[in-house]
Amino acid sequence: MAKKRILLIEDETDMVYALTIHLEAINCEVLSATDGQTGLDMARKEKPDLIILDLMLPKMDGYKICRMLKFDERYKMIPIIMFTARAQDQDKKLGEEVGADAYVTKPFDSKELLDKISALLKK
């Protein structure tokens, strides 16, 4: 099976490192960006198979990135997992409103995250 390309938009370098290890272990190629604008540009240029998107990012927040991708015909089919420390119901509701396919809160259960990724990549 060809490697799936996952774009990780996350500003915490330790989290990027940890997630990269988990994703490479399930045969994924990981692209990463540490701020919102760079992440949006990479998503448009690279068209990854899936995006893991933090909400609180420098330059542009995750909600705006998700909305811009999901409301654009060229990118709306890319699954997006919101990945954040914001666990309030209103945050999850806003994530749904902007088109996120899943919502995972930090600290996270790696098996839960990997299961969500696998399910979304199979769609």
PDB file of N, CA and C in Angstrom:
ATOM      1  N   MET A   1       0.845  -1.195   0.000  1.00  0.00           N
ATOM      2  CA  MET A   1       0.000   0.000   0.000  1.00  0.00           C
ATOM      3  C   MET A   1       0.885   1.252   0.000  1.00  0.00           C
ATOM      4  N   ALA A   2       0.502   2.230  -0.800  1.00  0.00           N
ATOM      5  CA  ALA A   2       1.271   3.472  -0.866  1.00  0.00           C
ATOM      6  C   ALA A   2       1.170   4.218   0.460  1.00  0.00           C
ATOM      7  N   LYS A   3       2.249   4.906   0.785  1.00  0.00           N
ATOM      8  CA  LYS A   3       2.228   5.696   2.018  1.00  0.00           C
ATOM      9  C   LYS A   3       1.211   6.816   1.908  1.00  0.00           C
ATOM     10  N   LYS A   4       0.454   7.001   2.959  1.00  0.00           N
ATOM     11  CA  LYS A   4      -0.484   8.120   3.022  1.00  0.00           C
ATOM     12  C   LYS A   4       0.282   9.346   3.499  1.00  0.00           C
ATOM     13  N   ARG A   5      -0.060  10.487   2.923  1.00  0.00           N
ATOM     14  CA  ARG A   5       0.612  11.739   3.287  1.00  0.00           C
ATOM     15  C   ARG A   5      -0.273  12.499   4.265  1.00  0.00           C
ATOM     16  N   ILE A   6       0.281  12.769   5.434  1.00  0.00           N
ATOM     17  CA  ILE A   6      -0.467  13.480   6.471  1.00  0.00           C
ATOM     18  C   ILE A   6       0.237  14.801   6.770  1.00  0.00           C
ATOM     19  N   LEU A   7      -0.542  15.868   6.715  1.00  0.00           N
ATOM     20  CA  LEU A   7      -0.029  17.191   7.054  1.00  0.00           C
ATOM     21  C   LEU A   7      -0.384  17.470   8.504  1.00  0.00           C
ATOM     22  N   LEU A   8       0.627  17.745   9.290  1.00  0.00           N
ATOM     23  CA  LEU A   8       0.476  18.049  10.706  1.00  0.00           C
ATOM     24  C   LEU A   8       0.731  19.543  10.888  1.00  0.00           C
ATOM     25  N   ILE A   9      -0.321  20.282  11.268  1.00  0.00           N
ATOM     26  CA  ILE A   9      -0.192  21.726  11.504  1.00  0.00           C
ATOM     27  C   ILE A   9      -0.276  21.922  13.010  1.00  0.00           C
ATOM     28  N   GLU A  10       0.881  22.088  13.626  1.00  0.00           N
ATOM     29  CA  GLU A  10       1.011  22.098  15.097  1.00  0.00           C
ATOM     30  C   GLU A  10       2.221  22.951  15.449  1.00  0.00           C
ATOM     31  N   ASP A  11       2.064  23.870  16.415  1.00  0.00           N
ATOM     32  CA  ASP A  11       3.164  24.768  16.756  1.00  0.00           C
ATOM     33  C   ASP A  11       4.069  24.264  17.886  1.00  0.00           C
ATOM     34  N   GLU A  12       3.700  23.178  18.552  1.00  0.00           N
ATOM     35  CA  GLU A  12       4.546  22.634  19.620  1.00  0.00           C
ATOM     36  C   GLU A  12       5.482  21.579  19.020  1.00  0.00           C
ATOM     37  N   THR A  13       6.773  21.866  18.987  1.00  0.00           N
ATOM     38  CA  THR A  13       7.723  20.961  18.324  1.00  0.00           C
ATOM     39  C   THR A  13       7.775  19.577  18.963  1.00  0.00           C
ATOM     40  N   ASP A  14       7.610  19.489  20.288  1.00  0.00           N
ATOM     41  CA  ASP A  14       7.605  18.174  20.943  1.00  0.00           C
ATOM     42  C   ASP A  14       6.415  17.339  20.473  1.00  0.00           C
ATOM     43  N   MET A  15       5.280  17.983  20.287  1.00  0.00           N
ATOM     44  CA  MET A  15       4.081  17.286  19.816  1.00  0.00           C
ATOM     45  C   MET A  15       4.273  16.832  18.366  1.00  0.00           C
ATOM     46  N   VAL A  16       4.876  17.688  17.544  1.00  0.00           N
ATOM     47  CA  VAL A  16       5.153  17.322  16.141  1.00  0.00           C
ATOM     48  C   VAL A  16       6.043  16.078  16.115  1.00  0.00           C
ATOM     49  N   TYR A  17       7.071  16.079  16.947  1.00  0.00           N
ATOM     50  CA  TYR A  17       7.996  14.950  17.002  1.00  0.00           C
ATOM     51  C   TYR A  17       7.281  13.662  17.428  1.00  0.00           C
ATOM     52  N   ALA A  18       6.491  13.749  18.502  1.00  0.00           N
ATOM     53  CA  ALA A  18       5.782  12.569  19.015  1.00  0.00           C
ATOM     54  C   ALA A  18       4.786  12.027  17.981  1.00  0.00           C
ATOM     55  N   LEU A  19       4.025  12.907  17.371  1.00  0.00           N
ATOM     56  CA  LEU A  19       3.044  12.468  16.377  1.00  0.00           C
ATOM     57  C   LEU A  19       3.724  11.893  15.139  1.00  0.00           C
ATOM     58  N   THR A  20       4.824  12.486  14.748  1.00  0.00           N
ATOM     59  CA  THR A  20       5.558  11.980  13.579  1.00  0.00           C
ATOM     60  C   THR A  20       5.992  10.537  13.811  1.00  0.00           C
ATOM     61  N   ILE A  21       6.482  10.233  14.998  1.00  0.00           N
ATOM     62  CA  ILE A  21       6.892   8.859  15.323  1.00  0.00           C
ATOM     63  C   ILE A  21       5.704   7.906  15.205  1.00  0.00           C
ATOM     64  N   HIS A  22       4.560   8.292  15.779  1.00  0.00           N
ATOM     65  CA  HIS A  22       3.355   7.448  15.714  1.00  0.00           C
ATOM     66  C   HIS A  22       2.901   7.238  14.263  1.00  0.00           C
ATOM     67  N   LEU A  23       2.923   8.299  13.483  1.00  0.00           N
ATOM     68  CA  LEU A  23       2.415   8.226  12.108  1.00  0.00           C
ATOM     69  C   LEU A  23       3.358   7.451  11.188  1.00  0.00           C
ATOM     70  N   GLU A  24       4.648   7.646  11.384  1.00  0.00           N
ATOM     71  CA  GLU A  24       5.605   6.893  10.569  1.00  0.00           C
ATOM     72  C   GLU A  24       5.532   5.398  10.895  1.00  0.00           C
ATOM     73  N   ALA A  25       5.178   5.067  12.137  1.00  0.00           N
ATOM     74  CA  ALA A  25       5.051   3.663  12.551  1.00  0.00           C
ATOM     75  C   ALA A  25       3.897   2.970  11.826  1.00  0.00           C
ATOM     76  N   ILE A  26       2.910   3.737  11.356  1.00  0.00           N
ATOM     77  CA  ILE A  26       1.810   3.125  10.599  1.00  0.00           C
ATOM     78  C   ILE A  26       1.963   3.426   9.099  1.00  0.00           C
ATOM     79  N   ASN A  27       3.202   3.647   8.676  1.00  0.00           N
ATOM     80  CA  ASN A  27       3.564   3.797   7.266  1.00  0.00           C
ATOM     81  C   ASN A  27       2.981   5.053   6.613  1.00  0.00           C
ATOM     82  N   CYS A  28       3.028   6.185   7.340  1.00  0.00           N
ATOM     83  CA  CYS A  28       2.576   7.454   6.776  1.00  0.00           C
ATOM     84  C   CYS A  28       3.771   8.365   6.546  1.00  0.00           C
ATOM     85  N   GLU A  29       3.661   9.184   5.521  1.00  0.00           N
ATOM     86  CA  GLU A  29       4.642  10.243   5.283  1.00  0.00           C
ATOM     87  C   GLU A  29       4.103  11.477   5.984  1.00  0.00           C
ATOM     88  N   VAL A  30       4.929  12.144   6.779  1.00  0.00           N
ATOM     89  CA  VAL A  30       4.464  13.287   7.562  1.00  0.00           C
ATOM     90  C   VAL A  30       5.076  14.581   7.030  1.00  0.00           C
ATOM     91  N   LEU A  31       4.202  15.526   6.729  1.00  0.00           N
ATOM     92  CA  LEU A  31       4.602  16.888   6.384  1.00  0.00           C
ATOM     93  C   LEU A  31       4.192  17.719   7.586  1.00  0.00           C
ATOM     94  N   SER A  32       4.940  18.769   7.907  1.00  0.00           N
ATOM     95  CA  SER A  32       4.525  19.570   9.061  1.00  0.00           C
ATOM     96  C   SER A  32       4.723  21.059   8.839  1.00  0.00           C
ATOM     97  N   ALA A  33       3.894  21.820   9.530  1.00  0.00           N
ATOM     98  CA  ALA A  33       3.963  23.270   9.525  1.00  0.00           C
ATOM     99  C   ALA A  33       3.727  23.726  10.957  1.00  0.00           C
ATOM    100  N   THR A  34       4.417  24.788  11.366  1.00  0.00           N
ATOM    101  CA  THR A  34       4.306  25.242  12.755  1.00  0.00           C
ATOM    102  C   THR A  34       3.509  26.541  12.918  1.00  0.00           C
ATOM    103  N   ASP A  35       2.930  27.038  11.818  1.00  0.00           N
ATOM    104  CA  ASP A  35       2.023  28.181  11.956  1.00  0.00           C
ATOM    105  C   ASP A  35       0.885  28.018  10.954  1.00  0.00           C
ATOM    106  N   GLY A  36      -0.188  28.715  11.202  1.00  0.00           N
ATOM    107  CA  GLY A  36      -1.393  28.544  10.408  1.00  0.00           C
ATOM    108  C   GLY A  36      -1.244  28.894   8.942  1.00  0.00           C
ATOM    109  N   GLN A  37      -0.608  30.013   8.639  1.00  0.00           N
ATOM    110  CA  GLN A  37      -0.494  30.424   7.237  1.00  0.00           C
ATOM    111  C   GLN A  37       0.345  29.431   6.436  1.00  0.00           C
ATOM    112  N   THR A  38       1.464  29.000   7.002  1.00  0.00           N
ATOM    113  CA  THR A  38       2.307  28.013   6.322  1.00  0.00           C
ATOM    114  C   THR A  38       1.537  26.704   6.136  1.00  0.00           C
ATOM    115  N   GLY A  39       0.777  26.313   7.164  1.00  0.00           N
ATOM    116  CA  GLY A  39      -0.025  25.093   7.077  1.00  0.00           C
ATOM    117  C   GLY A  39      -1.059  25.166   5.967  1.00  0.00           C
ATOM    118  N   LEU A  40      -1.754  26.297   5.860  1.00  0.00           N
ATOM    119  CA  LEU A  40      -2.751  26.473   4.808  1.00  0.00           C
ATOM    120  C   LEU A  40      -2.090  26.412   3.431  1.00  0.00           C
ATOM    121  N   ASP A  41      -0.961  27.094   3.283  1.00  0.00           N
ATOM    122  CA  ASP A  41      -0.242  27.086   2.008  1.00  0.00           C
ATOM    123  C   ASP A  41       0.203  25.677   1.642  1.00  0.00           C
ATOM    124  N   MET A  42       0.711  24.931   2.623  1.00  0.00           N
ATOM    125  CA  MET A  42       1.160  23.550   2.369  1.00  0.00           C
ATOM    126  C   MET A  42      -0.022  22.651   1.988  1.00  0.00           C
ATOM    127  N   ALA A  43      -1.156  22.829   2.673  1.00  0.00           N
ATOM    128  CA  ALA A  43      -2.338  22.016   2.363  1.00  0.00           C
ATOM    129  C   ALA A  43      -2.753  22.235   0.908  1.00  0.00           C
ATOM    130  N   ARG A  44      -2.738  23.469   0.474  1.00  0.00           N
ATOM    131  CA  ARG A  44      -3.137  23.783  -0.901  1.00  0.00           C
ATOM    132  C   ARG A  44      -2.126  23.254  -1.916  1.00  0.00           C
ATOM    133  N   LYS A  45      -0.856  23.346  -1.582  1.00  0.00           N
ATOM    134  CA  LYS A  45       0.193  22.922  -2.519  1.00  0.00           C
ATOM    135  C   LYS A  45       0.342  21.401  -2.566  1.00  0.00           C
ATOM    136  N   GLU A  46       0.349  20.766  -1.397  1.00  0.00           N
ATOM    137  CA  GLU A  46       0.658  19.337  -1.305  1.00  0.00           C
ATOM    138  C   GLU A  46      -0.559  18.415  -1.423  1.00  0.00           C
ATOM    139  N   LYS A  47      -1.762  18.933  -1.149  1.00  0.00           N
ATOM    140  CA  LYS A  47      -2.990  18.131  -1.132  1.00  0.00           C
ATOM    141  C   LYS A  47      -2.781  16.795  -0.410  1.00  0.00           C
ATOM    142  N   PRO A  48      -2.540  16.852   0.904  1.00  0.00           N
ATOM    143  CA  PRO A  48      -2.302  15.626   1.673  1.00  0.00           C
ATOM    144  C   PRO A  48      -3.548  14.749   1.748  1.00  0.00           C
ATOM    145  N   ASP A  49      -3.361  13.505   2.172  1.00  0.00           N
ATOM    146  CA  ASP A  49      -4.480  12.578   2.321  1.00  0.00           C
ATOM    147  C   ASP A  49      -5.311  12.897   3.562  1.00  0.00           C
ATOM    148  N   LEU A  50      -4.691  13.575   4.547  1.00  0.00           N
ATOM    149  CA  LEU A  50      -5.364  13.906   5.802  1.00  0.00           C
ATOM    150  C   LEU A  50      -4.592  15.036   6.467  1.00  0.00           C
ATOM    151  N   ILE A  51      -5.302  15.859   7.239  1.00  0.00           N
ATOM    152  CA  ILE A  51      -4.660  16.961   7.973  1.00  0.00           C
ATOM    153  C   ILE A  51      -5.002  16.821   9.456  1.00  0.00           C
ATOM    154  N   ILE A  52      -3.969  16.927  10.287  1.00  0.00           N
ATOM    155  CA  ILE A  52      -4.153  17.016  11.741  1.00  0.00           C
ATOM    156  C   ILE A  52      -3.865  18.477  12.085  1.00  0.00           C
ATOM    157  N   LEU A  53      -4.871  19.144  12.631  1.00  0.00           N
ATOM    158  CA  LEU A  53      -4.836  20.597  12.750  1.00  0.00           C
ATOM    159  C   LEU A  53      -5.048  21.079  14.178  1.00  0.00           C
ATOM    160  N   ASP A  54      -4.032  21.747  14.717  1.00  0.00           N
ATOM    161  CA  ASP A  54      -4.159  22.384  16.029  1.00  0.00           C
ATOM    162  C   ASP A  54      -5.058  23.611  15.864  1.00  0.00           C
ATOM    163  N   LEU A  55      -5.684  24.060  16.928  1.00  0.00           N
ATOM    164  CA  LEU A  55      -6.535  25.247  16.842  1.00  0.00           C
ATOM    165  C   LEU A  55      -5.785  26.532  17.135  1.00  0.00           C
ATOM    166  N   MET A  56      -4.981  26.519  18.189  1.00  0.00           N
ATOM    167  CA  MET A  56      -4.301  27.740  18.609  1.00  0.00           C
ATOM    168  C   MET A  56      -2.911  27.778  17.971  1.00  0.00           C
ATOM    169  N   LEU A  57      -2.830  28.533  16.866  1.00  0.00           N
ATOM    170  CA  LEU A  57      -1.605  28.602  16.074  1.00  0.00           C
ATOM    171  C   LEU A  57      -1.219  30.054  15.830  1.00  0.00           C
ATOM    172  N   PRO A  58       0.085  30.304  15.631  1.00  0.00           N
ATOM    173  CA  PRO A  58       0.492  31.647  15.224  1.00  0.00           C
ATOM    174  C   PRO A  58      -0.003  31.936  13.798  1.00  0.00           C
ATOM    175  N   LYS A  59      -0.246  33.176  13.481  1.00  0.00           N
ATOM    176  CA  LYS A  59      -0.600  33.714  12.160  1.00  0.00           C
ATOM    177  C   LYS A  59      -2.025  33.450  11.701  1.00  0.00           C
ATOM    178  N   MET A  60      -2.589  32.270  11.995  1.00  0.00           N
ATOM    179  CA  MET A  60      -3.968  31.970  11.597  1.00  0.00           C
ATOM    180  C   MET A  60      -4.446  30.784  12.428  1.00  0.00           C
ATOM    181  N   ASP A  61      -5.650  30.891  13.011  1.00  0.00           N
ATOM    182  CA  ASP A  61      -6.102  29.789  13.865  1.00  0.00           C
ATOM    183  C   ASP A  61      -6.664  28.623  13.047  1.00  0.00           C
ATOM    184  N   GLY A  62      -6.753  27.480  13.695  1.00  0.00           N
ATOM    185  CA  GLY A  62      -7.196  26.254  13.039  1.00  0.00           C
ATOM    186  C   GLY A  62      -8.609  26.317  12.505  1.00  0.00           C
ATOM    187  N   TYR A  63      -9.495  27.037  13.182  1.00  0.00           N
ATOM    188  CA  TYR A  63     -10.870  27.158  12.692  1.00  0.00           C
ATOM    189  C   TYR A  63     -10.889  27.809  11.307  1.00  0.00           C
ATOM    190  N   LYS A  64     -10.121  28.873  11.167  1.00  0.00           N
ATOM    191  CA  LYS A  64     -10.096  29.601   9.897  1.00  0.00           C
ATOM    192  C   LYS A  64      -9.500  28.728   8.789  1.00  0.00           C
ATOM    193  N   ILE A  65      -8.430  28.008   9.104  1.00  0.00           N
ATOM    194  CA  ILE A  65      -7.807  27.115   8.114  1.00  0.00           C
ATOM    195  C   ILE A  65      -8.807  26.056   7.673  1.00  0.00           C
ATOM    196  N   CYS A  66      -9.463  25.426   8.637  1.00  0.00           N
ATOM    197  CA  CYS A  66     -10.442  24.384   8.333  1.00  0.00           C
ATOM    198  C   CYS A  66     -11.552  24.942   7.451  1.00  0.00           C
ATOM    199  N   ARG A  67     -12.087  26.079   7.816  1.00  0.00           N
ATOM    200  CA  ARG A  67     -13.177  26.698   7.044  1.00  0.00           C
ATOM    201  C   ARG A  67     -12.726  26.986   5.616  1.00  0.00           C
ATOM    202  N   MET A  68     -11.527  27.537   5.460  1.00  0.00           N
ATOM    203  CA  MET A  68     -11.043  27.887   4.120  1.00  0.00           C
ATOM    204  C   MET A  68     -10.855  26.646   3.246  1.00  0.00           C
ATOM    205  N   LEU A  69     -10.405  25.556   3.835  1.00  0.00           N
ATOM    206  CA  LEU A  69     -10.207  24.328   3.059  1.00  0.00           C
ATOM    207  C   LEU A  69     -11.531  23.620   2.774  1.00  0.00           C
ATOM    208  N   LYS A  70     -12.388  23.521   3.776  1.00  0.00           N
ATOM    209  CA  LYS A  70     -13.637  22.772   3.624  1.00  0.00           C
ATOM    210  C   LYS A  70     -14.662  23.478   2.740  1.00  0.00           C
ATOM    211  N   PHE A  71     -14.538  24.785   2.575  1.00  0.00           N
ATOM    212  CA  PHE A  71     -15.483  25.511   1.737  1.00  0.00           C
ATOM    213  C   PHE A  71     -14.891  25.808   0.356  1.00  0.00           C
ATOM    214  N   ASP A  72     -13.840  25.096   0.006  1.00  0.00           N
ATOM    215  CA  ASP A  72     -13.189  25.222  -1.297  1.00  0.00           C
ATOM    216  C   ASP A  72     -13.318  23.869  -1.998  1.00  0.00           C
ATOM    217  N   GLU A  73     -13.937  23.845  -3.147  1.00  0.00           N
ATOM    218  CA  GLU A  73     -14.187  22.601  -3.883  1.00  0.00           C
ATOM    219  C   GLU A  73     -12.926  21.761  -4.087  1.00  0.00           C
ATOM    220  N   ARG A  74     -11.780  22.409  -4.251  1.00  0.00           N
ATOM    221  CA  ARG A  74     -10.538  21.683  -4.533  1.00  0.00           C
ATOM    222  C   ARG A  74     -10.006  20.902  -3.336  1.00  0.00           C
ATOM    223  N   TYR A  75     -10.378  21.315  -2.129  1.00  0.00           N
ATOM    224  CA  TYR A  75      -9.768  20.722  -0.928  1.00  0.00           C
ATOM    225  C   TYR A  75     -10.770  20.122   0.050  1.00  0.00           C
ATOM    226  N   LYS A  76     -12.059  20.275  -0.188  1.00  0.00           N
ATOM    227  CA  LYS A  76     -13.059  19.891   0.804  1.00  0.00           C
ATOM    228  C   LYS A  76     -13.074  18.399   1.119  1.00  0.00           C
ATOM    229  N   MET A  77     -12.530  17.560   0.241  1.00  0.00           N
ATOM    230  CA  MET A  77     -12.530  16.118   0.484  1.00  0.00           C
ATOM    231  C   MET A  77     -11.384  15.656   1.396  1.00  0.00           C
ATOM    232  N   ILE A  78     -10.451  16.545   1.700  1.00  0.00           N
ATOM    233  CA  ILE A  78      -9.347  16.173   2.591  1.00  0.00           C
ATOM    234  C   ILE A  78      -9.894  16.095   4.021  1.00  0.00           C
ATOM    235  N   PRO A  79      -9.803  14.916   4.666  1.00  0.00           N
ATOM    236  CA  PRO A  79     -10.278  14.823   6.056  1.00  0.00           C
ATOM    237  C   PRO A  79      -9.413  15.682   6.985  1.00  0.00           C
ATOM    238  N   ILE A  80     -10.057  16.348   7.917  1.00  0.00           N
ATOM    239  CA  ILE A  80      -9.340  17.192   8.890  1.00  0.00           C
ATOM    240  C   ILE A  80      -9.719  16.754  10.301  1.00  0.00           C
ATOM    241  N   ILE A  81      -8.684  16.475  11.096  1.00  0.00           N
ATOM    242  CA  ILE A  81      -8.864  16.169  12.515  1.00  0.00           C
ATOM    243  C   ILE A  81      -8.413  17.388  13.306  1.00  0.00           C
ATOM    244  N   MET A  82      -9.347  17.994  14.031  1.00  0.00           N
ATOM    245  CA  MET A  82      -8.995  19.086  14.948  1.00  0.00           C
ATOM    246  C   MET A  82      -8.286  18.441  16.126  1.00  0.00           C
ATOM    247  N   PHE A  83      -7.147  19.004  16.498  1.00  0.00           N
ATOM    248  CA  PHE A  83      -6.296  18.418  17.519  1.00  0.00           C
ATOM    249  C   PHE A  83      -5.911  19.526  18.483  1.00  0.00           C
ATOM    250  N   THR A  84      -6.555  19.549  19.661  1.00  0.00           N
ATOM    251  CA  THR A  84      -6.418  20.731  20.508  1.00  0.00           C
ATOM    252  C   THR A  84      -6.604  20.448  21.992  1.00  0.00           C
ATOM    253  N   ALA A  85      -6.121  21.361  22.797  1.00  0.00           N
ATOM    254  CA  ALA A  85      -6.334  21.290  24.238  1.00  0.00           C
ATOM    255  C   ALA A  85      -7.707  21.868  24.609  1.00  0.00           C
ATOM    256  N   ARG A  86      -8.372  22.503  23.658  1.00  0.00           N
ATOM    257  CA  ARG A  86      -9.685  23.116  23.923  1.00  0.00           C
ATOM    258  C   ARG A  86     -10.762  22.041  23.883  1.00  0.00           C
ATOM    259  N   ALA A  87     -11.292  21.713  25.055  1.00  0.00           N
ATOM    260  CA  ALA A  87     -12.211  20.578  25.171  1.00  0.00           C
ATOM    261  C   ALA A  87     -13.650  20.974  25.480  1.00  0.00           C
ATOM    262  N   GLN A  88     -13.959  22.252  25.441  1.00  0.00           N
ATOM    263  CA  GLN A  88     -15.324  22.699  25.734  1.00  0.00           C
ATOM    264  C   GLN A  88     -16.272  22.280  24.614  1.00  0.00           C
ATOM    265  N   ASP A  89     -17.528  22.039  24.958  1.00  0.00           N
ATOM    266  CA  ASP A  89     -18.524  21.667  23.951  1.00  0.00           C
ATOM    267  C   ASP A  89     -18.628  22.716  22.845  1.00  0.00           C
ATOM    268  N   GLN A  90     -18.537  24.000  23.230  1.00  0.00           N
ATOM    269  CA  GLN A  90     -18.650  25.063  22.228  1.00  0.00           C
ATOM    270  C   GLN A  90     -17.494  25.006  21.228  1.00  0.00           C
ATOM    271  N   ASP A  91     -16.304  24.590  21.684  1.00  0.00           N
ATOM    272  CA  ASP A  91     -15.161  24.460  20.779  1.00  0.00           C
ATOM    273  C   ASP A  91     -15.402  23.330  19.783  1.00  0.00           C
ATOM    274  N   LYS A  92     -15.917  22.203  20.283  1.00  0.00           N
ATOM    275  CA  LYS A  92     -16.227  21.066  19.413  1.00  0.00           C
ATOM    276  C   LYS A  92     -17.321  21.428  18.413  1.00  0.00           C
ATOM    277  N   LYS A  93     -18.325  22.159  18.890  1.00  0.00           N
ATOM    278  CA  LYS A  93     -19.429  22.572  18.010  1.00  0.00           C
ATOM    279  C   LYS A  93     -18.900  23.468  16.891  1.00  0.00           C
ATOM    280  N   LEU A  94     -18.034  24.398  17.228  1.00  0.00           N
ATOM    281  CA  LEU A  94     -17.453  25.280  16.221  1.00  0.00           C
ATOM    282  C   LEU A  94     -16.608  24.468  15.233  1.00  0.00           C
ATOM    283  N   GLY A  95     -15.905  23.466  15.741  1.00  0.00           N
ATOM    284  CA  GLY A  95     -15.132  22.578  14.868  1.00  0.00           C
ATOM    285  C   GLY A  95     -16.025  21.896  13.849  1.00  0.00           C
ATOM    286  N   GLU A  96     -17.185  21.424  14.292  1.00  0.00           N
ATOM    287  CA  GLU A  96     -18.151  20.796  13.383  1.00  0.00           C
ATOM    288  C   GLU A  96     -18.670  21.808  12.360  1.00  0.00           C
ATOM    289  N   GLU A  97     -18.948  23.027  12.833  1.00  0.00           N
ATOM    290  CA  GLU A  97     -19.501  24.053  11.950  1.00  0.00           C
ATOM    291  C   GLU A  97     -18.542  24.433  10.826  1.00  0.00           C
ATOM    292  N   VAL A  98     -17.240  24.399  11.094  1.00  0.00           N
ATOM    293  CA  VAL A  98     -16.271  24.762  10.051  1.00  0.00           C
ATOM    294  C   VAL A  98     -15.867  23.556   9.204  1.00  0.00           C
ATOM    295  N   GLY A  99     -16.432  22.380   9.515  1.00  0.00           N
ATOM    296  CA  GLY A  99     -16.242  21.226   8.643  1.00  0.00           C
ATOM    297  C   GLY A  99     -15.267  20.157   9.095  1.00  0.00           C
ATOM    298  N   ALA A 100     -14.776  20.227  10.333  1.00  0.00           N
ATOM    299  CA  ALA A 100     -13.831  19.207  10.806  1.00  0.00           C
ATOM    300  C   ALA A 100     -14.478  17.822  10.774  1.00  0.00           C
ATOM    301  N   ASP A 101     -13.705  16.817  10.410  1.00  0.00           N
ATOM    302  CA  ASP A 101     -14.205  15.448  10.329  1.00  0.00           C
ATOM    303  C   ASP A 101     -14.120  14.725  11.678  1.00  0.00           C
ATOM    304  N   ALA A 102     -13.222  15.177  12.541  1.00  0.00           N
ATOM    305  CA  ALA A 102     -13.060  14.576  13.869  1.00  0.00           C
ATOM    306  C   ALA A 102     -12.447  15.622  14.793  1.00  0.00           C
ATOM    307  N   TYR A 103     -12.554  15.387  16.098  1.00  0.00           N
ATOM    308  CA  TYR A 103     -12.067  16.330  17.099  1.00  0.00           C
ATOM    309  C   TYR A 103     -11.385  15.516  18.193  1.00  0.00           C
ATOM    310  N   VAL A 104     -10.088  15.705  18.372  1.00  0.00           N
ATOM    311  CA  VAL A 104      -9.322  14.971  19.384  1.00  0.00           C
ATOM    312  C   VAL A 104      -8.703  15.984  20.340  1.00  0.00           C
ATOM    313  N   THR A 105      -8.906  15.764  21.637  1.00  0.00           N
ATOM    314  CA  THR A 105      -8.366  16.704  22.619  1.00  0.00           C
ATOM    315  C   THR A 105      -7.046  16.207  23.199  1.00  0.00           C
ATOM    316  N   LYS A 106      -6.196  17.180  23.536  1.00  0.00           N
ATOM    317  CA  LYS A 106      -4.917  16.896  24.196  1.00  0.00           C
ATOM    318  C   LYS A 106      -5.146  17.004  25.696  1.00  0.00           C
ATOM    319  N   PRO A 107      -4.480  16.228  26.538  1.00  0.00           N
ATOM    320  CA  PRO A 107      -3.619  15.112  26.135  1.00  0.00           C
ATOM    321  C   PRO A 107      -4.457  14.046  25.450  1.00  0.00           C
ATOM    322  N   PHE A 108      -3.842  13.311  24.531  1.00  0.00           N
ATOM    323  CA  PHE A 108      -4.604  12.401  23.697  1.00  0.00           C
ATOM    324  C   PHE A 108      -4.181  10.952  23.910  1.00  0.00           C
ATOM    325  N   ASP A 109      -5.083  10.071  23.550  1.00  0.00           N
ATOM    326  CA  ASP A 109      -4.823   8.638  23.573  1.00  0.00           C
ATOM    327  C   ASP A 109      -4.336   8.290  22.168  1.00  0.00           C
ATOM    328  N   SER A 110      -3.095   7.832  22.028  1.00  0.00           N
ATOM    329  CA  SER A 110      -2.533   7.603  20.693  1.00  0.00           C
ATOM    330  C   SER A 110      -3.317   6.561  19.904  1.00  0.00           C
ATOM    331  N   LYS A 111      -3.834   5.534  20.579  1.00  0.00           N
ATOM    332  CA  LYS A 111      -4.616   4.527  19.867  1.00  0.00           C
ATOM    333  C   LYS A 111      -5.898   5.142  19.307  1.00  0.00           C
ATOM    334  N   GLU A 112      -6.557   5.978  20.090  1.00  0.00           N
ATOM    335  CA  GLU A 112      -7.779   6.644  19.628  1.00  0.00           C
ATOM    336  C   GLU A 112      -7.487   7.506  18.396  1.00  0.00           C
ATOM    337  N   LEU A 113      -6.402   8.271  18.458  1.00  0.00           N
ATOM    338  CA  LEU A 113      -6.040   9.127  17.330  1.00  0.00           C
ATOM    339  C   LEU A 113      -5.721   8.285  16.099  1.00  0.00           C
ATOM    340  N   LEU A 114      -4.923   7.244  16.258  1.00  0.00           N
ATOM    341  CA  LEU A 114      -4.554   6.397  15.125  1.00  0.00           C
ATOM    342  C   LEU A 114      -5.775   5.682  14.542  1.00  0.00           C
ATOM    343  N   ASP A 115      -6.720   5.286  15.393  1.00  0.00           N
ATOM    344  CA  ASP A 115      -7.957   4.667  14.913  1.00  0.00           C
ATOM    345  C   ASP A 115      -8.776   5.658  14.077  1.00  0.00           C
ATOM    346  N   LYS A 116      -8.859   6.909  14.540  1.00  0.00           N
ATOM    347  CA  LYS A 116      -9.597   7.934  13.784  1.00  0.00           C
ATOM    348  C   LYS A 116      -8.921   8.181  12.435  1.00  0.00           C
ATOM    349  N   ILE A 117      -7.595   8.256  12.446  1.00  0.00           N
ATOM    350  CA  ILE A 117      -6.846   8.475  11.207  1.00  0.00           C
ATOM    351  C   ILE A 117      -7.115   7.326  10.233  1.00  0.00           C
ATOM    352  N   SER A 118      -7.006   6.107  10.715  1.00  0.00           N
ATOM    353  CA  SER A 118      -7.239   4.940   9.848  1.00  0.00           C
ATOM    354  C   SER A 118      -8.645   4.951   9.263  1.00  0.00           C
ATOM    355  N   ALA A 119      -9.634   5.240  10.104  1.00  0.00           N
ATOM    356  CA  ALA A 119     -11.025   5.276   9.634  1.00  0.00           C
ATOM    357  C   ALA A 119     -11.218   6.346   8.566  1.00  0.00           C
ATOM    358  N   LEU A 120     -10.660   7.527   8.775  1.00  0.00           N
ATOM    359  CA  LEU A 120     -10.836   8.633   7.813  1.00  0.00           C
ATOM    360  C   LEU A 120     -10.092   8.362   6.513  1.00  0.00           C
ATOM    361  N   LEU A 121      -8.948   7.705   6.586  1.00  0.00           N
ATOM    362  CA  LEU A 121      -8.197   7.403   5.371  1.00  0.00           C
ATOM    363  C   LEU A 121      -8.868   6.327   4.520  1.00  0.00           C
ATOM    364  N   LYS A 122      -9.709   5.506   5.155  1.00  0.00           N
ATOM    365  CA  LYS A 122     -10.404   4.443   4.417  1.00  0.00           C
ATOM    366  C   LYS A 122     -11.639   4.963   3.680  1.00  0.00           C
ATOM    367  N   LYS A 123     -12.135   6.120   4.074  1.00  0.00           N
ATOM    368  CA  LYS A 123     -13.360   6.657   3.437  1.00  0.00           C
ATOM    369  C   LYS A 123     -13.126   6.973   1.975  1.00  0.00           C
TER     370      LYS A 123
END
